[in-house]
Amino acid sequence: MKISEDIAKVLMAGMKICPYCKKRINENATVCPYCQKNVPLPKPKFEEPKSKEEMEKDARFDMGCTIVVAALFIIGFALFYLIGEGIIDL
């Protein structure tokens, strides 16, 4: 059932299972509060560094977004000025 899996994910957020007593404990716990045994910390998730092409693609996207926002700002300011001066009537 999809719904029960989603509920389980929400309930398990920030939790892990003690490998000894199988009870839910905080994911950062180093000692199980139930069985008092040392619990290994989860291995840090390693993220692959971005390739040069991905970084260039991200930079182009960021630059494009900046240009679009700047153009919209200039157009908005120009319209505000022209309407304020009475040059354009709406």
N, C-alpha and C. Protein backbone atom coordinates (compact mmCIF):
# COMPACT_ATOMS: atom_id res chain seq x y z
N MET A 1 0.84 -1.19 0.00
CA MET A 1 0.00 0.00 0.00
C MET A 1 0.87 1.24 0.00
N LYS A 2 0.59 2.15 -0.88
CA LYS A 2 1.37 3.36 -1.02
C LYS A 2 1.20 4.28 0.18
N ILE A 3 -0.02 4.41 0.70
CA ILE A 3 -0.28 5.32 1.80
C ILE A 3 0.49 4.90 3.05
N SER A 4 0.50 3.63 3.38
CA SER A 4 1.21 3.18 4.58
C SER A 4 2.72 3.37 4.45
N GLU A 5 3.25 3.25 3.22
CA GLU A 5 4.67 3.50 3.01
C GLU A 5 4.99 4.97 3.24
N ASP A 6 4.11 5.88 2.77
CA ASP A 6 4.31 7.31 2.98
C ASP A 6 4.24 7.66 4.46
N ILE A 7 3.30 7.07 5.16
CA ILE A 7 3.17 7.31 6.60
C ILE A 7 4.41 6.81 7.33
N ALA A 8 4.91 5.66 6.93
CA ALA A 8 6.11 5.10 7.56
C ALA A 8 7.30 6.02 7.35
N LYS A 9 7.42 6.60 6.15
CA LYS A 9 8.53 7.51 5.88
C LYS A 9 8.45 8.74 6.78
N VAL A 10 7.24 9.28 6.98
CA VAL A 10 7.07 10.46 7.83
C VAL A 10 7.41 10.11 9.27
N LEU A 11 6.94 8.95 9.74
CA LEU A 11 7.21 8.55 11.11
C LEU A 11 8.69 8.26 11.35
N MET A 12 9.39 7.81 10.32
CA MET A 12 10.80 7.45 10.46
C MET A 12 11.74 8.63 10.20
N ALA A 13 11.20 9.77 9.80
CA ALA A 13 12.06 10.93 9.53
C ALA A 13 12.84 11.28 10.80
N GLY A 14 14.14 11.35 10.68
CA GLY A 14 14.99 11.68 11.81
C GLY A 14 15.20 10.51 12.76
N MET A 15 14.81 9.32 12.36
CA MET A 15 14.92 8.16 13.22
C MET A 15 15.73 7.06 12.51
N LYS A 16 16.25 6.15 13.30
CA LYS A 16 16.88 4.94 12.77
C LYS A 16 16.53 3.80 13.70
N ILE A 17 16.82 2.60 13.27
CA ILE A 17 16.52 1.40 14.07
C ILE A 17 17.80 0.95 14.77
N CYS A 18 17.70 0.71 16.07
CA CYS A 18 18.83 0.18 16.82
C CYS A 18 19.12 -1.22 16.29
N PRO A 19 20.38 -1.51 15.91
CA PRO A 19 20.69 -2.84 15.36
C PRO A 19 20.61 -3.95 16.40
N TYR A 20 20.52 -3.60 17.69
CA TYR A 20 20.51 -4.61 18.74
C TYR A 20 19.09 -4.92 19.23
N CYS A 21 18.35 -3.88 19.65
CA CYS A 21 17.01 -4.12 20.20
C CYS A 21 15.89 -3.83 19.19
N LYS A 22 16.25 -3.30 18.03
CA LYS A 22 15.31 -3.04 16.92
C LYS A 22 14.25 -1.98 17.23
N LYS A 23 14.53 -1.10 18.19
CA LYS A 23 13.59 -0.02 18.49
C LYS A 23 14.02 1.24 17.75
N ARG A 24 13.03 2.13 17.50
CA ARG A 24 13.33 3.39 16.82
C ARG A 24 14.02 4.34 17.78
N ILE A 25 15.13 4.92 17.30
CA ILE A 25 15.87 5.89 18.10
C ILE A 25 16.24 7.07 17.21
N ASN A 26 16.67 8.15 17.84
CA ASN A 26 17.10 9.34 17.10
C ASN A 26 18.26 8.97 16.18
N GLU A 27 18.23 9.53 14.96
CA GLU A 27 19.26 9.17 13.98
C GLU A 27 20.66 9.63 14.39
N ASN A 28 20.77 10.57 15.31
CA ASN A 28 22.09 11.05 15.76
C ASN A 28 22.55 10.40 17.05
N ALA A 29 21.74 9.47 17.58
CA ALA A 29 22.08 8.82 18.85
C ALA A 29 23.33 7.95 18.68
N THR A 30 24.21 8.00 19.69
CA THR A 30 25.39 7.13 19.69
C THR A 30 25.22 5.98 20.66
N VAL A 31 24.26 6.13 21.60
CA VAL A 31 23.92 5.07 22.55
C VAL A 31 22.41 4.89 22.51
N CYS A 32 21.95 3.66 22.39
CA CYS A 32 20.52 3.38 22.37
C CYS A 32 19.94 3.65 23.76
N PRO A 33 18.89 4.46 23.86
CA PRO A 33 18.31 4.74 25.18
C PRO A 33 17.57 3.54 25.78
N TYR A 34 17.30 2.51 24.99
CA TYR A 34 16.57 1.34 25.47
C TYR A 34 17.51 0.24 25.96
N CYS A 35 18.47 -0.15 25.08
CA CYS A 35 19.35 -1.26 25.46
C CYS A 35 20.72 -0.79 25.95
N GLN A 36 20.99 0.51 25.85
CA GLN A 36 22.23 1.13 26.33
C GLN A 36 23.49 0.66 25.59
N LYS A 37 23.32 0.14 24.39
CA LYS A 37 24.48 -0.29 23.60
C LYS A 37 24.91 0.83 22.66
N ASN A 38 26.22 0.84 22.35
CA ASN A 38 26.74 1.83 21.41
C ASN A 38 26.19 1.54 20.02
N VAL A 39 25.71 2.59 19.39
CA VAL A 39 25.12 2.47 18.05
C VAL A 39 26.01 3.24 17.08
N PRO A 40 26.41 2.60 15.99
CA PRO A 40 27.26 3.32 15.04
C PRO A 40 26.49 4.44 14.35
N LEU A 41 27.18 5.54 14.13
CA LEU A 41 26.58 6.66 13.40
C LEU A 41 26.45 6.28 11.93
N PRO A 42 25.45 6.81 11.26
CA PRO A 42 25.31 6.51 9.83
C PRO A 42 26.48 7.09 9.05
N LYS A 43 26.84 6.40 8.00
CA LYS A 43 27.92 6.90 7.15
C LYS A 43 27.46 8.17 6.45
N PRO A 44 28.31 9.18 6.40
CA PRO A 44 27.90 10.41 5.70
C PRO A 44 27.67 10.12 4.22
N LYS A 45 26.65 10.76 3.70
CA LYS A 45 26.33 10.57 2.29
C LYS A 45 27.31 11.39 1.46
N PHE A 46 27.99 10.73 0.56
CA PHE A 46 28.97 11.39 -0.29
C PHE A 46 28.30 11.81 -1.59
N GLU A 47 28.49 13.04 -1.93
CA GLU A 47 27.94 13.56 -3.16
C GLU A 47 29.05 13.74 -4.17
N GLU A 48 28.84 13.21 -5.36
CA GLU A 48 29.83 13.35 -6.42
C GLU A 48 30.01 14.83 -6.74
N PRO A 49 31.24 15.28 -6.88
CA PRO A 49 31.44 16.68 -7.28
C PRO A 49 30.91 16.89 -8.70
N LYS A 50 30.42 18.09 -8.94
CA LYS A 50 29.88 18.39 -10.26
C LYS A 50 31.01 18.44 -11.28
N SER A 51 30.67 18.00 -12.48
CA SER A 51 31.66 18.07 -13.55
C SER A 51 31.77 19.52 -14.03
N LYS A 52 32.82 19.78 -14.78
CA LYS A 52 33.04 21.13 -15.29
C LYS A 52 31.88 21.56 -16.19
N GLU A 53 31.35 20.62 -17.00
CA GLU A 53 30.24 20.95 -17.88
C GLU A 53 28.99 21.31 -17.08
N GLU A 54 28.72 20.56 -16.00
CA GLU A 54 27.56 20.86 -15.17
C GLU A 54 27.69 22.22 -14.50
N MET A 55 28.91 22.54 -14.04
CA MET A 55 29.13 23.84 -13.41
C MET A 55 28.95 24.97 -14.41
N GLU A 56 29.44 24.78 -15.64
CA GLU A 56 29.26 25.80 -16.67
C GLU A 56 27.79 25.96 -17.03
N LYS A 57 27.07 24.84 -17.10
CA LYS A 57 25.64 24.88 -17.40
C LYS A 57 24.90 25.65 -16.31
N ASP A 58 25.21 25.37 -15.05
CA ASP A 58 24.59 26.09 -13.94
C ASP A 58 24.90 27.58 -14.00
N ALA A 59 26.15 27.92 -14.33
CA ALA A 59 26.55 29.32 -14.42
C ALA A 59 25.78 30.03 -15.53
N ARG A 60 25.61 29.35 -16.69
CA ARG A 60 24.84 29.96 -17.79
C ARG A 60 23.39 30.16 -17.38
N PHE A 61 22.82 29.18 -16.68
CA PHE A 61 21.43 29.30 -16.23
C PHE A 61 21.30 30.48 -15.26
N ASP A 62 22.23 30.58 -14.30
CA ASP A 62 22.20 31.68 -13.34
C ASP A 62 22.31 33.03 -14.04
N MET A 63 23.20 33.11 -15.04
CA MET A 63 23.36 34.36 -15.77
C MET A 63 22.10 34.71 -16.54
N GLY A 64 21.47 33.70 -17.15
CA GLY A 64 20.23 33.93 -17.88
C GLY A 64 19.13 34.44 -16.97
N CYS A 65 19.01 33.84 -15.79
CA CYS A 65 18.00 34.29 -14.82
C CYS A 65 18.27 35.72 -14.37
N THR A 66 19.52 36.04 -14.15
CA THR A 66 19.89 37.39 -13.74
C THR A 66 19.52 38.40 -14.82
N ILE A 67 19.78 38.08 -16.07
CA ILE A 67 19.45 38.98 -17.18
C ILE A 67 17.94 39.19 -17.28
N VAL A 68 17.18 38.11 -17.16
CA VAL A 68 15.71 38.22 -17.24
C VAL A 68 15.18 39.09 -16.10
N VAL A 69 15.64 38.87 -14.88
CA VAL A 69 15.17 39.65 -13.74
C VAL A 69 15.55 41.12 -13.92
N ALA A 70 16.77 41.39 -14.38
CA ALA A 70 17.20 42.77 -14.59
C ALA A 70 16.35 43.44 -15.67
N ALA A 71 16.06 42.72 -16.76
CA ALA A 71 15.24 43.29 -17.83
C ALA A 71 13.83 43.61 -17.32
N LEU A 72 13.24 42.71 -16.55
CA LEU A 72 11.91 42.96 -16.00
C LEU A 72 11.91 44.15 -15.05
N PHE A 73 12.95 44.27 -14.26
CA PHE A 73 13.07 45.41 -13.35
C PHE A 73 13.15 46.71 -14.13
N ILE A 74 13.96 46.75 -15.17
CA ILE A 74 14.11 47.97 -15.98
C ILE A 74 12.80 48.32 -16.67
N ILE A 75 12.13 47.33 -17.24
CA ILE A 75 10.84 47.59 -17.90
C ILE A 75 9.82 48.10 -16.90
N GLY A 76 9.76 47.48 -15.73
CA GLY A 76 8.82 47.92 -14.69
C GLY A 76 9.11 49.33 -14.24
N PHE A 77 10.37 49.65 -14.03
CA PHE A 77 10.74 51.01 -13.61
C PHE A 77 10.38 52.03 -14.70
N ALA A 78 10.66 51.67 -15.97
CA ALA A 78 10.34 52.58 -17.08
C ALA A 78 8.84 52.81 -17.16
N LEU A 79 8.04 51.76 -17.04
CA LEU A 79 6.58 51.93 -17.06
C LEU A 79 6.10 52.78 -15.89
N PHE A 80 6.64 52.54 -14.71
CA PHE A 80 6.28 53.33 -13.54
C PHE A 80 6.59 54.81 -13.78
N TYR A 81 7.74 55.10 -14.34
CA TYR A 81 8.14 56.47 -14.62
C TYR A 81 7.24 57.10 -15.68
N LEU A 82 7.01 56.38 -16.77
CA LEU A 82 6.19 56.92 -17.87
C LEU A 82 4.74 57.15 -17.44
N ILE A 83 4.20 56.28 -16.64
CA ILE A 83 2.84 56.46 -16.15
C ILE A 83 2.79 57.62 -15.16
N GLY A 84 3.80 57.72 -14.30
CA GLY A 84 3.87 58.80 -13.32
C GLY A 84 3.98 60.17 -13.97
N GLU A 85 4.68 60.26 -15.07
CA GLU A 85 4.86 61.53 -15.79
C GLU A 85 3.66 61.83 -16.70
N GLY A 86 2.75 60.90 -16.82
CA GLY A 86 1.58 61.12 -17.67
C GLY A 86 1.83 60.88 -19.14
N ILE A 87 2.96 60.32 -19.47
CA ILE A 87 3.30 60.06 -20.87
C ILE A 87 2.45 58.90 -21.39
N ILE A 88 2.18 57.94 -20.52
CA ILE A 88 1.34 56.80 -20.88
C ILE A 88 0.10 56.84 -19.98
N ASP A 89 -1.07 56.74 -20.57
CA ASP A 89 -2.32 56.67 -19.81
C ASP A 89 -2.85 55.25 -19.88
N LEU A 90 -3.25 54.75 -18.75
CA LEU A 90 -3.85 53.42 -18.72
C LEU A 90 -5.33 53.51 -18.56
